[in-house]
Protein backbone atom coordinates (compact mmCIF):
# COMPACT_ATOMS: atom_id res chain seq x y z
CA MET A 1 0.93 30.18 -6.85
CA MET A 2 4.40 29.17 -5.68
CA GLY A 3 3.68 25.56 -6.65
CA THR A 4 2.60 26.56 -10.16
CA THR A 5 5.75 28.67 -10.64
CA MET A 6 7.98 25.81 -9.50
CA GLU A 7 6.20 23.38 -11.81
CA LYS A 8 6.75 25.72 -14.76
CA LYS A 9 10.45 26.05 -13.92
CA VAL A 10 10.86 22.27 -13.68
CA ARG A 11 8.96 21.77 -16.94
CA ASN A 12 11.02 24.44 -18.72
CA LYS A 13 14.23 22.88 -17.42
CA ARG A 14 13.17 19.49 -18.75
CA LEU A 15 12.27 20.97 -22.13
CA VAL A 16 15.70 22.64 -22.32
CA ILE A 17 17.39 19.32 -21.49
CA LEU A 18 15.28 17.61 -24.16
CA ALA A 19 16.24 20.24 -26.74
CA VAL A 20 19.95 20.08 -25.85
CA LEU A 21 19.99 16.28 -26.19
CA ILE A 22 18.24 16.47 -29.57
CA ILE A 23 20.76 19.09 -30.79
CA LEU A 24 23.68 16.95 -29.55
CA LEU A 25 22.24 13.87 -31.25
CA VAL A 26 21.70 15.69 -34.56
CA GLY A 27 25.21 17.18 -34.39
CA THR A 28 26.77 13.80 -33.65
CA PHE A 29 24.68 12.26 -36.42
CA ILE A 30 26.01 14.73 -39.00
CA TYR A 31 29.60 14.38 -37.75
CA SER A 32 29.32 10.59 -37.79
CA VAL A 33 28.30 10.63 -41.46
CA ASN A 34 31.78 12.00 -42.23
CA ALA A 35 33.60 9.71 -39.78
CA GLY A 36 35.49 6.95 -41.50
CA PHE A 37 38.39 6.14 -43.75
CA SER A 38 36.92 8.00 -46.75
CA LYS A 39 36.60 11.68 -45.80
CA ILE A 40 33.82 13.75 -47.35
CA PRO A 41 33.80 17.55 -46.96
CA PHE A 42 31.12 18.81 -44.62
CA LEU A 43 29.29 20.81 -47.31
CA ASP A 44 29.26 17.73 -49.56
CA VAL A 45 27.75 15.71 -46.70
CA ILE A 46 24.95 18.28 -46.35
CA LYS A 47 24.37 18.32 -50.12
CA THR A 48 24.24 14.52 -50.21
CA LEU A 49 21.76 14.39 -47.33
CA PHE A 50 19.49 16.69 -49.37
CA GLY A 51 19.91 14.59 -52.52
CA GLN A 52 22.37 16.85 -54.36
CA GLY A 53 25.65 14.98 -53.82
CA SER A 54 27.86 13.17 -56.32
CA ALA A 55 27.22 9.54 -57.21
CA GLN A 56 30.23 8.37 -55.16
CA ASP A 57 29.28 10.41 -52.07
CA THR A 58 25.68 9.24 -52.33
CA LEU A 59 26.78 5.60 -52.48
CA ILE A 60 29.11 5.90 -49.47
CA ILE A 61 26.65 7.84 -47.33
CA SER A 62 23.27 6.38 -48.26
CA GLN A 63 24.25 2.73 -48.61
CA PHE A 64 27.05 2.30 -46.05
CA ARG A 65 27.14 5.00 -43.39
CA LEU A 66 23.55 6.15 -42.94
CA PRO A 67 22.06 2.67 -42.30
CA ARG A 68 24.72 1.95 -39.67
CA ILE A 69 24.19 5.32 -37.98
CA VAL A 70 20.40 4.91 -37.95
CA VAL A 71 20.75 1.38 -36.52
CA ALA A 72 23.07 2.74 -33.78
CA VAL A 73 20.54 5.45 -32.88
CA LEU A 74 17.60 3.03 -32.81
CA VAL A 75 19.47 0.35 -30.85
CA GLY A 76 20.81 2.84 -28.30
CA ALA A 77 17.33 4.27 -27.75
CA GLY A 78 15.69 0.84 -27.53
CA LEU A 79 18.21 -0.59 -25.06
CA ALA A 80 17.99 2.47 -22.81
CA VAL A 81 14.18 2.36 -22.72
CA SER A 82 14.34 -1.38 -22.04
CA GLY A 83 16.71 -0.74 -19.14
CA ALA A 84 14.45 1.98 -17.71
CA ILE A 85 11.46 -0.37 -17.78
CA LEU A 86 13.43 -3.23 -16.20
CA GLN A 87 14.63 -0.94 -13.42
CA ALA A 88 11.04 0.15 -12.76
CA VAL A 89 9.74 -3.43 -12.70
CA SER A 90 12.53 -4.79 -10.48
CA GLN A 91 12.87 -1.62 -8.37
CA ASN A 92 16.61 -2.11 -8.79
CA GLY A 93 18.84 0.54 -10.35
CA LEU A 94 21.36 -2.14 -11.39
CA ALA A 95 18.93 -3.90 -13.74
CA ASP A 96 20.02 -3.91 -17.39
CA PRO A 97 19.15 -6.22 -20.33
CA GLY A 98 22.83 -7.18 -20.69
CA ILE A 99 23.45 -7.84 -17.00
CA LEU A 100 20.22 -9.87 -16.63
CA GLY A 101 21.16 -12.20 -19.49
CA ILE A 102 18.44 -11.01 -21.87
CA ASN A 103 20.96 -9.84 -24.47
CA ASN A 104 22.79 -13.16 -24.39
CA GLY A 105 19.53 -15.09 -24.66
CA ALA A 106 18.58 -13.14 -27.77
CA GLY A 107 22.12 -13.50 -29.09
CA LEU A 108 22.10 -17.27 -28.67
CA ALA A 109 18.87 -17.56 -30.66
CA VAL A 110 20.15 -15.22 -33.39
CA MET A 111 23.48 -17.06 -33.50
CA LEU A 112 21.71 -20.38 -34.10
CA TYR A 113 19.48 -18.70 -36.68
CA ILE A 114 22.23 -17.12 -38.78
CA SER A 115 24.22 -20.37 -38.60
CA TYR A 116 21.50 -22.44 -40.26
CA PHE A 117 19.57 -19.95 -42.41
CA PRO A 118 20.88 -17.57 -45.12
CA SER A 119 20.77 -14.05 -43.65
CA THR A 120 20.82 -12.31 -47.03
CA LEU A 121 17.18 -13.07 -47.87
CA ASP A 122 14.53 -10.46 -47.12
CA VAL A 123 12.23 -12.71 -45.10
CA PRO A 124 14.90 -14.06 -42.71
CA VAL A 125 16.18 -10.52 -42.06
CA MET A 126 12.70 -9.30 -41.14
CA PHE A 127 12.25 -12.40 -38.98
CA MET A 128 15.41 -11.88 -36.89
CA PRO A 129 13.92 -9.63 -34.15
CA PHE A 130 11.29 -12.30 -33.50
CA VAL A 131 13.99 -14.97 -33.28
CA GLY A 132 15.89 -12.83 -30.79
CA PHE A 133 12.70 -12.30 -28.79
CA MET A 134 12.10 -16.04 -28.49
CA GLY A 135 15.59 -16.60 -27.08
CA ALA A 136 15.38 -13.60 -24.77
CA ILE A 137 11.96 -14.51 -23.36
CA VAL A 138 13.18 -17.98 -22.41
CA ILE A 139 16.15 -16.56 -20.50
CA ALA A 140 13.97 -13.84 -18.94
CA ALA A 141 11.51 -16.49 -17.75
CA ILE A 142 14.33 -18.48 -16.16
CA VAL A 143 15.78 -15.42 -14.41
CA TYR A 144 12.32 -14.25 -13.30
CA GLY A 145 11.39 -17.69 -12.00
CA LEU A 146 14.61 -18.05 -9.99
CA SER A 147 14.22 -14.52 -8.57
CA TYR A 148 10.56 -14.82 -7.58
CA SER A 149 9.35 -15.69 -4.09
CA ARG A 150 5.71 -16.53 -3.35
CA GLU A 151 5.92 -14.71 -0.05
CA GLU A 152 7.83 -11.59 -1.15
CA GLY A 153 7.29 -11.43 -4.90
CA LEU A 154 10.15 -10.42 -7.20
CA LEU A 155 13.37 -9.98 -5.18
CA PRO A 156 15.48 -7.15 -6.70
CA ASN A 157 18.88 -8.28 -5.37
CA ARG A 158 18.31 -11.90 -6.35
CA LEU A 159 17.22 -10.72 -9.82
CA VAL A 160 20.60 -9.12 -10.53
CA LEU A 161 22.65 -11.99 -9.09
CA THR A 162 20.60 -14.61 -10.94
CA GLY A 163 20.84 -12.59 -14.15
CA VAL A 164 24.63 -12.37 -13.93
CA ALA A 165 24.91 -16.13 -13.34
CA VAL A 166 22.50 -17.10 -16.14
CA SER A 167 24.14 -14.60 -18.51
CA ALA A 168 27.56 -16.16 -17.83
CA ALA A 169 26.15 -19.64 -18.47
CA VAL A 170 24.58 -18.62 -21.79
CA ALA A 171 27.78 -16.82 -22.84
CA ALA A 172 29.75 -20.00 -22.15
CA LEU A 173 27.27 -22.00 -24.23
CA MET A 174 27.59 -19.52 -27.09
CA THR A 175 31.38 -19.77 -26.98
CA LEU A 176 31.13 -23.57 -27.04
CA LEU A 177 28.79 -23.51 -30.04
CA THR A 178 31.12 -21.23 -32.03
CA ILE A 179 33.64 -24.08 -32.24
CA ARG A 180 31.28 -25.95 -34.56
CA LEU A 181 30.70 -23.03 -36.94
CA ASP A 182 32.31 -22.66 -40.37
CA PRO A 183 34.80 -19.74 -40.74
CA GLU A 184 32.31 -17.33 -42.33
CA ASN A 185 29.63 -17.77 -39.66
CA TYR A 186 32.28 -17.85 -36.94
CA GLN A 187 33.39 -14.37 -38.01
CA ILE A 188 29.81 -13.07 -37.79
CA VAL A 189 29.30 -14.58 -34.34
CA ALA A 190 32.68 -13.33 -33.07
CA GLU A 191 31.80 -9.80 -34.17
CA TRP A 192 28.37 -10.13 -32.58
CA LEU A 193 29.89 -11.19 -29.25
CA ALA A 194 32.23 -8.18 -29.35
CA GLY A 195 29.32 -5.78 -29.90
CA ASN A 196 29.78 -4.86 -33.54
CA ILE A 197 26.90 -3.05 -35.26
CA TRP A 198 27.10 -5.49 -38.14
CA ALA A 199 23.55 -5.09 -39.54
CA SER A 200 24.40 -1.96 -41.50
CA ASN A 201 21.90 -1.91 -44.33
CA TRP A 202 18.38 -0.58 -44.70
CA GLN A 203 16.75 -4.02 -44.45
CA TYR A 204 17.73 -4.22 -40.79
CA VAL A 205 16.50 -0.67 -40.14
CA PHE A 206 13.08 -1.61 -41.52
CA ALA A 207 13.13 -4.86 -39.52
CA LEU A 208 13.88 -3.05 -36.24
CA LEU A 209 11.80 0.13 -36.59
CA PRO A 210 8.27 -1.38 -36.21
CA TRP A 211 9.29 -3.16 -33.01
CA LEU A 212 10.59 0.06 -31.47
CA LEU A 213 7.58 2.13 -32.50
CA VAL A 214 5.07 -0.34 -31.05
CA LEU A 215 6.97 -1.27 -27.87
CA VAL A 216 8.09 2.24 -26.90
CA THR A 217 4.50 3.43 -27.44
CA ILE A 218 3.25 0.70 -25.06
CA GLY A 219 5.93 1.74 -22.56
CA MET A 220 4.79 5.38 -22.72
CA PHE A 221 1.20 4.31 -22.03
CA LYS A 222 2.46 2.54 -18.89
CA VAL A 223 4.44 5.43 -17.37
CA LYS A 224 1.91 6.02 -14.56
CA THR A 225 1.97 2.33 -13.69
CA MET A 226 5.78 2.40 -13.48
CA ASP A 227 5.63 5.47 -11.22
CA ILE A 228 3.18 3.70 -8.89
CA LEU A 229 5.29 0.51 -8.83
CA GLY A 230 8.13 2.64 -7.50
CA PHE A 231 6.22 3.01 -4.20
CA GLY A 232 6.36 -0.76 -3.62
CA ASP A 233 3.98 -3.63 -4.29
CA GLN A 234 1.79 -3.08 -1.22
CA VAL A 235 1.14 0.59 -1.99
CA ALA A 236 0.60 -0.18 -5.69
CA THR A 237 -1.92 -2.91 -4.83
CA GLY A 238 -3.68 -0.53 -2.45
CA LEU A 239 -3.99 1.99 -5.29
CA GLY A 240 -5.70 -0.61 -7.47
CA VAL A 241 -2.75 -1.74 -9.61
CA ARG A 242 -2.63 -5.45 -10.44
CA THR A 243 1.09 -5.57 -9.73
CA GLU A 244 2.04 -9.03 -10.99
CA ARG A 245 0.02 -8.61 -14.20
CA GLU A 246 1.49 -5.17 -14.91
CA LYS A 247 5.02 -6.34 -14.10
CA LEU A 248 4.63 -9.23 -16.52
CA ILE A 249 3.41 -6.94 -19.32
CA LEU A 250 6.25 -4.48 -18.73
CA LEU A 251 8.78 -7.31 -18.53
CA VAL A 252 7.64 -8.67 -21.90
CA VAL A 253 7.90 -5.16 -23.42
CA ALA A 254 11.42 -4.67 -22.02
CA VAL A 255 12.57 -8.13 -23.16
CA ALA A 256 11.11 -7.64 -26.64
CA LEU A 257 12.80 -4.23 -26.96
CA ALA A 258 16.20 -5.58 -25.93
CA ALA A 259 15.86 -8.67 -28.12
CA ALA A 260 14.91 -6.70 -31.23
CA CYS A 261 17.86 -4.35 -30.70
CA VAL A 262 20.37 -7.08 -29.97
CA SER A 263 19.30 -9.07 -33.03
CA VAL A 264 20.76 -6.35 -35.29
CA SER A 265 23.48 -4.84 -33.13
CA GLY A 266 25.40 -7.56 -31.33
CA GLY A 267 26.09 -8.00 -27.65
CA ILE A 268 26.09 -4.39 -26.45
CA ALA A 269 25.71 -4.08 -22.70
CA PHE A 270 25.50 -1.18 -20.20
CA ILE A 271 23.47 1.20 -22.43
CA GLY A 272 20.35 0.04 -20.58
CA LEU A 273 22.10 0.72 -17.28
CA ILE A 274 23.71 4.10 -17.97
CA GLY A 275 20.91 5.70 -20.04
CA PRO A 276 18.17 5.60 -17.36
CA HIS A 277 20.59 6.65 -14.60
CA ILE A 278 21.65 9.76 -16.52
CA ALA A 279 18.00 10.46 -17.41
CA ARG A 280 16.90 10.34 -13.78
CA ARG A 281 19.73 12.67 -12.78
CA LEU A 282 18.61 15.14 -15.45
CA VAL A 283 14.81 15.08 -15.13
CA GLY A 284 13.92 13.26 -11.90
CA SER A 285 12.17 9.93 -11.42
CA GLY A 286 8.88 10.49 -13.30
CA HIS A 287 8.79 7.96 -16.13
CA ARG A 288 6.83 10.32 -18.41
CA TRP A 289 10.16 12.12 -18.83
CA VAL A 290 12.59 9.34 -17.93
CA LEU A 291 11.64 7.16 -20.91
CA PRO A 292 12.13 9.75 -23.72
CA ILE A 293 15.25 11.21 -22.10
CA SER A 294 16.66 7.69 -21.62
CA ALA A 295 16.02 7.02 -25.32
CA LEU A 296 17.91 10.16 -26.36
CA VAL A 297 20.80 9.50 -23.95
CA GLY A 298 21.07 5.87 -25.08
CA ALA A 299 21.00 6.84 -28.76
CA LEU A 300 23.66 9.50 -28.18
CA LEU A 301 25.90 7.16 -26.15
CA LEU A 302 25.87 4.35 -28.71
CA LEU A 303 26.30 6.69 -31.67
CA VAL A 304 29.27 8.39 -29.98
CA ALA A 305 30.76 4.98 -29.12
CA ASP A 306 30.37 3.73 -32.69
CA THR A 307 31.82 6.96 -34.11
CA ILE A 308 34.85 6.80 -31.77
CA GLY A 309 35.36 3.16 -32.72
CA ARG A 310 35.42 4.03 -36.42
CA ILE A 311 37.92 6.91 -36.21
CA ILE A 312 40.34 6.01 -33.42
CA VAL A 313 42.36 3.28 -35.22
CA GLN A 314 41.70 3.93 -38.91
CA PRO A 315 41.56 2.08 -41.29
CA SER A 316 40.57 -0.58 -38.73
CA GLU A 317 37.87 -0.04 -36.14
CA ILE A 318 37.01 -0.83 -32.52
CA PHE A 319 33.55 -2.31 -32.08
CA ALA A 320 30.98 -0.09 -30.38
CA GLY A 321 30.32 -2.73 -27.72
CA ILE A 322 33.94 -2.57 -26.58
CA VAL A 323 33.89 1.25 -26.36
CA VAL A 324 30.64 1.16 -24.36
CA ALA A 325 32.07 -1.53 -22.05
CA VAL A 326 35.14 0.62 -21.31
CA ILE A 327 32.76 3.32 -20.05
CA GLY A 328 30.01 1.11 -18.65
CA ALA A 329 31.93 -1.46 -16.62
CA PRO A 330 33.53 1.08 -14.23
CA TYR A 331 30.16 2.84 -13.92
CA PHE A 332 28.48 -0.45 -13.02
CA LEU A 333 31.13 -1.15 -10.35
CA TYR A 334 30.60 2.35 -8.98
CA LEU A 335 26.85 1.82 -8.72
CA LEU A 336 27.40 -1.62 -7.19
CA ALA A 337 29.69 -0.16 -4.52
CA LYS A 338 27.27 2.71 -3.89
CA ALA A 339 24.36 0.28 -3.48
CA LYS A 340 26.43 -1.84 -1.02
């Protein structure tokens, strides 16, 4: 009886946390619609969202602000879920798609793509997440291969160190390649490197959304596997889990999520690190709750960062990636020191 009561309390607490995060996200979403150089009264924002606004307000909100806000929400959620999966696979709380070089691998592929193909056509835009995935999977394979030991399997500490080194190498290569770009493409790449949510139209939303729906769904089907992997490879194998096969599947899902997000958002790091950590503090370590809470926390973090970047130095803006880095870098150093 006591156990049932405790379970209900824990479940109710988690539902309250879920509801609070949704309310915060919706509130930030509405506020962000009005954040920018052109101010629109709050009531006019609500009217426009329900299709009753003026032609000017409708143009500003529906064609400029809403796509960017939706992209920020989707990217934040996707990166946080990717980070949660990577941390489960590696059994390392410092794992993050940006730190492990996955973001830079996707970015390098996208940078080459937008340099040689016109990004205004419908087909190339829809193709960009796949391009990012190809670059990210190559880097992930390199990092995984260098971090794997036949005797001990995947080594968590080596994974992070190898990821940092490979990420730095790819970043250097990207910087070198920018020298050969024409001014227009150089501007796009420079903004990507700084973490600007540059893909702010509905084409990019429709390009990203199917990837997130499919991959997050696969991740949710694997929550029990991730929980079992947390007990270690030997225990997981004893419970009938094919550890290397499951790790590979989860790694591909995490890489694909990060690559799809990065292909439309730029080099935004630390969301995949911070989101899962906050989620585990709020709801515990069970991935059935960690994944959705991570998604909400990641979406909220990136949307807040993008909103702050748009209002703090008007009429200019600070890229969301820079705002996130200001928060995320000290947090990463704190976790690194705590992990010794």
